[in-house]
C-alpha atoms as a PDB file:
ATOM      1  CA  MET A   1      90.289  53.910-101.852  1.00  0.00           C
ATOM      2  CA  THR A   2      90.593  50.220-100.995  1.00  0.00           C
ATOM      3  CA  ILE A   3      87.849  47.620-101.198  1.00  0.00           C
ATOM      4  CA  SER A   4      87.869  47.279 -97.409  1.00  0.00           C
ATOM      5  CA  GLU A   5      87.324  51.052 -97.020  1.00  0.00           C
ATOM      6  CA  VAL A   6      84.428  50.974 -99.461  1.00  0.00           C
ATOM      7  CA  SER A   7      82.972  47.948 -97.636  1.00  0.00           C
ATOM      8  CA  ARG A   8      83.255  49.650 -94.248  1.00  0.00           C
ATOM      9  CA  GLU A   9      81.554  52.791 -95.527  1.00  0.00           C
ATOM     10  CA  ALA A  10      78.775  50.782 -97.163  1.00  0.00           C
ATOM     11  CA  LEU A  11      78.174  48.756 -93.987  1.00  0.00           C
ATOM     12  CA  GLU A  12      78.169  51.883 -91.849  1.00  0.00           C
ATOM     13  CA  ALA A  13      75.655  53.550 -94.181  1.00  0.00           C
ATOM     14  CA  TYR A  14      73.460  50.433 -94.099  1.00  0.00           C
ATOM     15  CA  LEU A  15      73.645  49.830 -90.341  1.00  0.00           C
ATOM     16  CA  VAL A  16      73.058  53.416 -89.274  1.00  0.00           C
ATOM     17  CA  GLY A  17      69.583  54.576 -90.243  1.00  0.00           C
ATOM     18  CA  PRO A  18      68.353  58.131 -90.766  1.00  0.00           C
ATOM     19  CA  SER A  19      67.913  58.562 -87.007  1.00  0.00           C
ATOM     20  CA  GLY A  20      71.619  57.884 -86.431  1.00  0.00           C
ATOM     21  CA  ARG A  21      70.836  54.710 -84.462  1.00  0.00           C
ATOM     22  CA  ARG A  22      72.262  51.340 -85.464  1.00  0.00           C
ATOM     23  CA  ARG A  23      69.844  48.904 -87.097  1.00  0.00           C
ATOM     24  CA  LEU A  24      70.989  45.516 -85.861  1.00  0.00           C
ATOM     25  CA  GLY A  25      67.905  43.358 -85.539  1.00  0.00           C
ATOM     26  CA  ALA A  26      69.793  40.541 -83.824  1.00  0.00           C
ATOM     27  CA  ALA A  27      71.151  42.773 -81.073  1.00  0.00           C
ATOM     28  CA  ALA A  28      68.334  41.893 -78.670  1.00  0.00           C
ATOM     29  CA  ALA A  29      67.700  38.385 -79.950  1.00  0.00           C
ATOM     30  CA  GLY A  30      68.973  36.767 -76.751  1.00  0.00           C
ATOM     31  CA  ARG A  31      66.944  38.871 -74.362  1.00  0.00           C
ATOM     32  CA  SER A  32      64.231  36.943 -72.580  1.00  0.00           C
ATOM     33  CA  GLY A  33      62.677  39.845 -70.731  1.00  0.00           C
ATOM     34  CA  ALA A  34      63.306  38.113 -67.414  1.00  0.00           C
ATOM     35  CA  SER A  35      65.687  39.891 -65.061  1.00  0.00           C
ATOM     36  CA  ASP A  36      66.453  36.931 -62.787  1.00  0.00           C
ATOM     37  CA  VAL A  37      67.832  34.426 -65.300  1.00  0.00           C
ATOM     38  CA  SER A  38      71.335  34.446 -63.813  1.00  0.00           C
ATOM     39  CA  GLU A  39      69.913  33.753 -60.366  1.00  0.00           C
ATOM     40  CA  ARG A  40      67.669  30.917 -61.621  1.00  0.00           C
ATOM     41  CA  ILE A  41      70.031  29.286 -64.144  1.00  0.00           C
ATOM     42  CA  GLU A  42      70.206  25.919 -62.328  1.00  0.00           C
ATOM     43  CA  GLU A  43      66.402  25.739 -62.107  1.00  0.00           C
ATOM     44  CA  ILE A  44      66.009  26.703 -65.768  1.00  0.00           C
ATOM     45  CA  LEU A  45      68.579  24.150 -66.961  1.00  0.00           C
ATOM     46  CA  ALA A  46      66.998  21.392 -64.871  1.00  0.00           C
ATOM     47  CA  ALA A  47      63.562  22.166 -66.306  1.00  0.00           C
ATOM     48  CA  GLU A  48      64.948  22.091 -69.857  1.00  0.00           C
ATOM     49  CA  ALA A  49      66.746  18.785 -69.199  1.00  0.00           C
ATOM     50  CA  ARG A  50      63.451  17.199 -68.139  1.00  0.00           C
ATOM     51  CA  ARG A  51      61.820  18.115 -71.465  1.00  0.00           C
END
């Protein structure tokens, strides 16, 4: 067994919890909760530029 195989298995065991779901805390880090961000991007950028 190679080191890369052992590493992959260890990462898979760590990332997949007992429920079988992946545990990546950063997966939703970029979500703002707003559904219209793409439609309002110019307005948002202009407001941030004024800060």
